Amino acid sequence: MGVKFEPKILAFLCKWCSYASADLAGVSRFQYPSNIRVMLTMCSGRVDPVFVMEGLSSGFDGVFVFG
């Protein structure tokens, strides 16, 4: 009963927008949760919906596409 649920999150980050922010957070030594897996994409508009569905079917609890 004392087990805390932590969802596994897959995040697609645009190289030119959101990945730069994540990189800056890392350089600034800000920590983000370890249950987030980051995938670098050249553009968030190029993320195929099939990738989102594959992430969910692979066991991720949520998929974000950041642009």
PDB file of N, CA and C in Angstrom:
ATOM      1  N   MET A   1       0.811  -1.203   0.000  1.00  0.00           N
ATOM      2  CA  MET A   1       0.000   0.000   0.000  1.00  0.00           C
ATOM      3  C   MET A   1       0.850   1.262   0.000  1.00  0.00           C
ATOM      4  N   GLY A   2       2.090   1.164   0.410  1.00  0.00           N
ATOM      5  CA  GLY A   2       2.932   2.343   0.486  1.00  0.00           C
ATOM      6  C   GLY A   2       3.712   2.620  -0.790  1.00  0.00           C
ATOM      7  N   VAL A   3       3.392   1.920  -1.872  1.00  0.00           N
ATOM      8  CA  VAL A   3       4.124   2.104  -3.118  1.00  0.00           C
ATOM      9  C   VAL A   3       3.559   3.309  -3.859  1.00  0.00           C
ATOM     10  N   LYS A   4       4.448   4.241  -4.207  1.00  0.00           N
ATOM     11  CA  LYS A   4       4.026   5.449  -4.916  1.00  0.00           C
ATOM     12  C   LYS A   4       4.144   5.212  -6.424  1.00  0.00           C
ATOM     13  N   PHE A   5       3.100   5.532  -7.156  1.00  0.00           N
ATOM     14  CA  PHE A   5       3.089   5.362  -8.607  1.00  0.00           C
ATOM     15  C   PHE A   5       3.857   6.502  -9.268  1.00  0.00           C
ATOM     16  N   GLU A   6       4.834   6.140 -10.099  1.00  0.00           N
ATOM     17  CA  GLU A   6       5.564   7.119 -10.897  1.00  0.00           C
ATOM     18  C   GLU A   6       5.419   6.732 -12.358  1.00  0.00           C
ATOM     19  N   PRO A   7       4.692   7.516 -13.130  1.00  0.00           N
ATOM     20  CA  PRO A   7       4.481   7.154 -14.533  1.00  0.00           C
ATOM     21  C   PRO A   7       5.770   7.280 -15.339  1.00  0.00           C
ATOM     22  N   LYS A   8       5.943   6.385 -16.301  1.00  0.00           N
ATOM     23  CA  LYS A   8       7.055   6.478 -17.239  1.00  0.00           C
ATOM     24  C   LYS A   8       6.613   7.375 -18.390  1.00  0.00           C
ATOM     25  N   ILE A   9       7.386   8.417 -18.660  1.00  0.00           N
ATOM     26  CA  ILE A   9       7.033   9.406 -19.669  1.00  0.00           C
ATOM     27  C   ILE A   9       8.067   9.396 -20.782  1.00  0.00           C
ATOM     28  N   LEU A  10       7.598   9.379 -22.021  1.00  0.00           N
ATOM     29  CA  LEU A  10       8.453   9.524 -23.189  1.00  0.00           C
ATOM     30  C   LEU A  10       8.237  10.930 -23.735  1.00  0.00           C
ATOM     31  N   ALA A  11       9.318  11.674 -23.900  1.00  0.00           N
ATOM     32  CA  ALA A  11       9.215  13.061 -24.364  1.00  0.00           C
ATOM     33  C   ALA A  11      10.006  13.236 -25.656  1.00  0.00           C
ATOM     34  N   PHE A  12       9.317  13.662 -26.700  1.00  0.00           N
ATOM     35  CA  PHE A  12       9.965  14.018 -27.954  1.00  0.00           C
ATOM     36  C   PHE A  12      10.236  15.518 -27.914  1.00  0.00           C
ATOM     37  N   LEU A  13      11.504  15.907 -28.001  1.00  0.00           N
ATOM     38  CA  LEU A  13      11.883  17.310 -27.891  1.00  0.00           C
ATOM     39  C   LEU A  13      12.475  17.811 -29.208  1.00  0.00           C
ATOM     40  N   CYS A  14      11.974  18.934 -29.673  1.00  0.00           N
ATOM     41  CA  CYS A  14      12.482  19.578 -30.879  1.00  0.00           C
ATOM     42  C   CYS A  14      13.896  20.102 -30.613  1.00  0.00           C
ATOM     43  N   LYS A  15      14.816  19.812 -31.532  1.00  0.00           N
ATOM     44  CA  LYS A  15      16.212  20.224 -31.352  1.00  0.00           C
ATOM     45  C   LYS A  15      16.346  21.740 -31.218  1.00  0.00           C
ATOM     46  N   TRP A  16      15.537  22.488 -31.914  1.00  0.00           N
ATOM     47  CA  TRP A  16      15.707  23.940 -31.979  1.00  0.00           C
ATOM     48  C   TRP A  16      14.919  24.688 -30.906  1.00  0.00           C
ATOM     49  N   CYS A  17      13.963  24.056 -30.281  1.00  0.00           N
ATOM     50  CA  CYS A  17      13.128  24.761 -29.294  1.00  0.00           C
ATOM     51  C   CYS A  17      13.281  24.152 -27.903  1.00  0.00           C
ATOM     52  N   SER A  18      12.575  23.077 -27.680  1.00  0.00           N
ATOM     53  CA  SER A  18      12.481  22.529 -26.331  1.00  0.00           C
ATOM     54  C   SER A  18      13.728  21.777 -25.884  1.00  0.00           C
ATOM     55  N   TYR A  19      14.486  21.174 -26.810  1.00  0.00           N
ATOM     56  CA  TYR A  19      15.696  20.473 -26.389  1.00  0.00           C
ATOM     57  C   TYR A  19      16.730  21.464 -25.857  1.00  0.00           C
ATOM     58  N   ALA A  20      16.777  22.652 -26.454  1.00  0.00           N
ATOM     59  CA  ALA A  20      17.701  23.682 -25.964  1.00  0.00           C
ATOM     60  C   ALA A  20      17.354  24.065 -24.521  1.00  0.00           C
ATOM     61  N   SER A  21      16.076  24.102 -24.205  1.00  0.00           N
ATOM     62  CA  SER A  21      15.656  24.401 -22.830  1.00  0.00           C
ATOM     63  C   SER A  21      16.056  23.284 -21.873  1.00  0.00           C
ATOM     64  N   ALA A  22      15.876  22.044 -22.298  1.00  0.00           N
ATOM     65  CA  ALA A  22      16.269  20.913 -21.455  1.00  0.00           C
ATOM     66  C   ALA A  22      17.783  20.899 -21.261  1.00  0.00           C
ATOM     67  N   ASP A  23      18.516  21.233 -22.300  1.00  0.00           N
ATOM     68  CA  ASP A  23      19.974  21.289 -22.201  1.00  0.00           C
ATOM     69  C   ASP A  23      20.406  22.393 -21.244  1.00  0.00           C
ATOM     70  N   LEU A  24      19.756  23.540 -21.321  1.00  0.00           N
ATOM     71  CA  LEU A  24      20.069  24.644 -20.415  1.00  0.00           C
ATOM     72  C   LEU A  24      19.768  24.257 -18.967  1.00  0.00           C
ATOM     73  N   ALA A  25      18.683  23.530 -18.755  1.00  0.00           N
ATOM     74  CA  ALA A  25      18.361  23.078 -17.402  1.00  0.00           C
ATOM     75  C   ALA A  25      19.453  22.153 -16.881  1.00  0.00           C
ATOM     76  N   GLY A  26      19.984  21.293 -17.741  1.00  0.00           N
ATOM     77  CA  GLY A  26      21.061  20.403 -17.329  1.00  0.00           C
ATOM     78  C   GLY A  26      22.338  21.150 -17.023  1.00  0.00           C
ATOM     79  N   VAL A  27      22.663  22.137 -17.852  1.00  0.00           N
ATOM     80  CA  VAL A  27      23.871  22.940 -17.625  1.00  0.00           C
ATOM     81  C   VAL A  27      23.736  23.736 -16.328  1.00  0.00           C
ATOM     82  N   SER A  28      22.513  24.188 -16.039  1.00  0.00           N
ATOM     83  CA  SER A  28      22.264  24.965 -14.819  1.00  0.00           C
ATOM     84  C   SER A  28      22.098  24.074 -13.587  1.00  0.00           C
ATOM     85  N   ARG A  29      22.239  22.763 -13.784  1.00  0.00           N
ATOM     86  CA  ARG A  29      22.145  21.757 -12.724  1.00  0.00           C
ATOM     87  C   ARG A  29      20.765  21.671 -12.085  1.00  0.00           C
ATOM     88  N   PHE A  30      19.731  22.006 -12.865  1.00  0.00           N
ATOM     89  CA  PHE A  30      18.369  21.739 -12.420  1.00  0.00           C
ATOM     90  C   PHE A  30      18.092  20.262 -12.653  1.00  0.00           C
ATOM     91  N   GLN A  31      17.367  19.655 -11.762  1.00  0.00           N
ATOM     92  CA  GLN A  31      17.060  18.239 -11.908  1.00  0.00           C
ATOM     93  C   GLN A  31      15.615  18.076 -12.350  1.00  0.00           C
ATOM     94  N   TYR A  32      15.416  17.126 -13.253  1.00  0.00           N
ATOM     95  CA  TYR A  32      14.058  16.758 -13.602  1.00  0.00           C
ATOM     96  C   TYR A  32      13.890  15.273 -13.286  1.00  0.00           C
ATOM     97  N   PRO A  33      12.671  14.818 -13.169  1.00  0.00           N
ATOM     98  CA  PRO A  33      12.440  13.444 -12.709  1.00  0.00           C
ATOM     99  C   PRO A  33      13.130  12.397 -13.582  1.00  0.00           C
ATOM    100  N   SER A  34      13.578  11.339 -12.953  1.00  0.00           N
ATOM    101  CA  SER A  34      14.284  10.285 -13.675  1.00  0.00           C
ATOM    102  C   SER A  34      13.347   9.378 -14.462  1.00  0.00           C
ATOM    103  N   ASN A  35      12.055   9.532 -14.294  1.00  0.00           N
ATOM    104  CA  ASN A  35      11.107   8.696 -15.031  1.00  0.00           C
ATOM    105  C   ASN A  35      10.755   9.281 -16.400  1.00  0.00           C
ATOM    106  N   ILE A  36      11.435  10.340 -16.815  1.00  0.00           N
ATOM    107  CA  ILE A  36      11.221  10.942 -18.132  1.00  0.00           C
ATOM    108  C   ILE A  36      12.352  10.510 -19.053  1.00  0.00           C
ATOM    109  N   ARG A  37      11.999   9.971 -20.213  1.00  0.00           N
ATOM    110  CA  ARG A  37      12.973   9.592 -21.233  1.00  0.00           C
ATOM    111  C   ARG A  37      12.850  10.567 -22.389  1.00  0.00           C
ATOM    112  N   VAL A  38      13.969  11.149 -22.771  1.00  0.00           N
ATOM    113  CA  VAL A  38      13.983  12.201 -23.792  1.00  0.00           C
ATOM    114  C   VAL A  38      14.450  11.633 -25.120  1.00  0.00           C
ATOM    115  N   MET A  39      13.713  11.956 -26.179  1.00  0.00           N
ATOM    116  CA  MET A  39      14.095  11.621 -27.542  1.00  0.00           C
ATOM    117  C   MET A  39      14.257  12.937 -28.304  1.00  0.00           C
ATOM    118  N   LEU A  40      15.418  13.149 -28.858  1.00  0.00           N
ATOM    119  CA  LEU A  40      15.693  14.352 -29.641  1.00  0.00           C
ATOM    120  C   LEU A  40      15.140  14.177 -31.052  1.00  0.00           C
ATOM    121  N   THR A  41      14.391  15.162 -31.530  1.00  0.00           N
ATOM    122  CA  THR A  41      13.898  15.171 -32.904  1.00  0.00           C
ATOM    123  C   THR A  41      14.340  16.467 -33.572  1.00  0.00           C
ATOM    124  N   MET A  42      14.441  16.441 -34.865  1.00  0.00           N
ATOM    125  CA  MET A  42      14.842  17.653 -35.587  1.00  0.00           C
ATOM    126  C   MET A  42      13.725  18.692 -35.570  1.00  0.00           C
ATOM    127  N   CYS A  43      12.480  18.235 -35.526  1.00  0.00           N
ATOM    128  CA  CYS A  43      11.335  19.144 -35.476  1.00  0.00           C
ATOM    129  C   CYS A  43      10.163  18.387 -34.860  1.00  0.00           C
ATOM    130  N   SER A  44       9.421  19.042 -34.008  1.00  0.00           N
ATOM    131  CA  SER A  44       8.287  18.373 -33.372  1.00  0.00           C
ATOM    132  C   SER A  44       7.198  18.034 -34.387  1.00  0.00           C
ATOM    133  N   GLY A  45       7.152  18.770 -35.487  1.00  0.00           N
ATOM    134  CA  GLY A  45       6.174  18.479 -36.535  1.00  0.00           C
ATOM    135  C   GLY A  45       6.490  17.197 -37.292  1.00  0.00           C
ATOM    136  N   ARG A  46       7.701  16.672 -37.141  1.00  0.00           N
ATOM    137  CA  ARG A  46       8.097  15.452 -37.842  1.00  0.00           C
ATOM    138  C   ARG A  46       7.844  14.190 -37.018  1.00  0.00           C
ATOM    139  N   VAL A  47       7.302  14.337 -35.816  1.00  0.00           N
ATOM    140  CA  VAL A  47       7.014  13.165 -34.984  1.00  0.00           C
ATOM    141  C   VAL A  47       5.755  12.499 -35.534  1.00  0.00           C
ATOM    142  N   ASP A  48       5.936  11.306 -36.029  1.00  0.00           N
ATOM    143  CA  ASP A  48       4.835  10.546 -36.616  1.00  0.00           C
ATOM    144  C   ASP A  48       3.930  10.028 -35.495  1.00  0.00           C
ATOM    145  N   PRO A  49       2.626  10.087 -35.658  1.00  0.00           N
ATOM    146  CA  PRO A  49       1.724   9.548 -34.632  1.00  0.00           C
ATOM    147  C   PRO A  49       1.985   8.074 -34.316  1.00  0.00           C
ATOM    148  N   VAL A  50       2.570   7.349 -35.255  1.00  0.00           N
ATOM    149  CA  VAL A  50       2.918   5.948 -35.008  1.00  0.00           C
ATOM    150  C   VAL A  50       3.944   5.851 -33.881  1.00  0.00           C
ATOM    151  N   PHE A  51       4.869   6.812 -33.802  1.00  0.00           N
ATOM    152  CA  PHE A  51       5.872   6.815 -32.730  1.00  0.00           C
ATOM    153  C   PHE A  51       5.206   6.995 -31.372  1.00  0.00           C
ATOM    154  N   VAL A  52       4.186   7.825 -31.332  1.00  0.00           N
ATOM    155  CA  VAL A  52       3.446   8.041 -30.080  1.00  0.00           C
ATOM    156  C   VAL A  52       2.758   6.744 -29.665  1.00  0.00           C
ATOM    157  N   MET A  53       2.112   6.088 -30.610  1.00  0.00           N
ATOM    158  CA  MET A  53       1.418   4.836 -30.314  1.00  0.00           C
ATOM    159  C   MET A  53       2.398   3.728 -29.924  1.00  0.00           C
ATOM    160  N   GLU A  54       3.561   3.686 -30.568  1.00  0.00           N
ATOM    161  CA  GLU A  54       4.570   2.688 -30.206  1.00  0.00           C
ATOM    162  C   GLU A  54       5.105   2.931 -28.801  1.00  0.00           C
ATOM    163  N   GLY A  55       5.256   4.195 -28.432  1.00  0.00           N
ATOM    164  CA  GLY A  55       5.690   4.509 -27.074  1.00  0.00           C
ATOM    165  C   GLY A  55       4.700   4.014 -26.042  1.00  0.00           C
ATOM    166  N   LEU A  56       3.427   4.225 -26.305  1.00  0.00           N
ATOM    167  CA  LEU A  56       2.394   3.776 -25.373  1.00  0.00           C
ATOM    168  C   LEU A  56       2.313   2.251 -25.317  1.00  0.00           C
ATOM    169  N   SER A  57       2.448   1.610 -26.478  1.00  0.00           N
ATOM    170  CA  SER A  57       2.372   0.144 -26.483  1.00  0.00           C
ATOM    171  C   SER A  57       3.639  -0.496 -25.922  1.00  0.00           C
ATOM    172  N   SER A  58       4.733   0.282 -25.827  1.00  0.00           N
ATOM    173  CA  SER A  58       5.986  -0.236 -25.271  1.00  0.00           C
ATOM    174  C   SER A  58       6.053  -0.132 -23.761  1.00  0.00           C
ATOM    175  N   GLY A  59       5.010   0.420 -23.154  1.00  0.00           N
ATOM    176  CA  GLY A  59       4.980   0.457 -21.695  1.00  0.00           C
ATOM    177  C   GLY A  59       5.055   1.839 -21.088  1.00  0.00           C
ATOM    178  N   PHE A  60       5.187   2.884 -21.909  1.00  0.00           N
ATOM    179  CA  PHE A  60       5.174   4.234 -21.352  1.00  0.00           C
ATOM    180  C   PHE A  60       3.747   4.611 -20.970  1.00  0.00           C
ATOM    181  N   ASP A  61       3.619   5.337 -19.879  1.00  0.00           N
ATOM    182  CA  ASP A  61       2.300   5.765 -19.411  1.00  0.00           C
ATOM    183  C   ASP A  61       1.833   7.041 -20.089  1.00  0.00           C
ATOM    184  N   GLY A  62       2.767   7.805 -20.635  1.00  0.00           N
ATOM    185  CA  GLY A  62       2.423   9.041 -21.326  1.00  0.00           C
ATOM    186  C   GLY A  62       3.495   9.418 -22.325  1.00  0.00           C
ATOM    187  N   VAL A  63       3.073  10.122 -23.362  1.00  0.00           N
ATOM    188  CA  VAL A  63       3.996  10.589 -24.392  1.00  0.00           C
ATOM    189  C   VAL A  63       3.729  12.068 -24.622  1.00  0.00           C
ATOM    190  N   PHE A  64       4.797  12.875 -24.557  1.00  0.00           N
ATOM    191  CA  PHE A  64       4.690  14.301 -24.827  1.00  0.00           C
ATOM    192  C   PHE A  64       5.457  14.635 -26.096  1.00  0.00           C
ATOM    193  N   VAL A  65       4.942  15.574 -26.849  1.00  0.00           N
ATOM    194  CA  VAL A  65       5.671  16.116 -28.001  1.00  0.00           C
ATOM    195  C   VAL A  65       5.811  17.604 -27.739  1.00  0.00           C
ATOM    196  N   PHE A  66       7.047  18.038 -27.471  1.00  0.00           N
ATOM    197  CA  PHE A  66       7.310  19.435 -27.153  1.00  0.00           C
ATOM    198  C   PHE A  66       7.906  20.144 -28.361  1.00  0.00           C
ATOM    199  N   GLY A  67       7.429  21.351 -28.617  1.00  0.00           N
ATOM    200  CA  GLY A  67       7.955  22.122 -29.725  1.00  0.00           C
ATOM    201  C   GLY A  67       8.274  23.525 -29.304  1.00  0.00           C
TER     202      GLY A  67
END
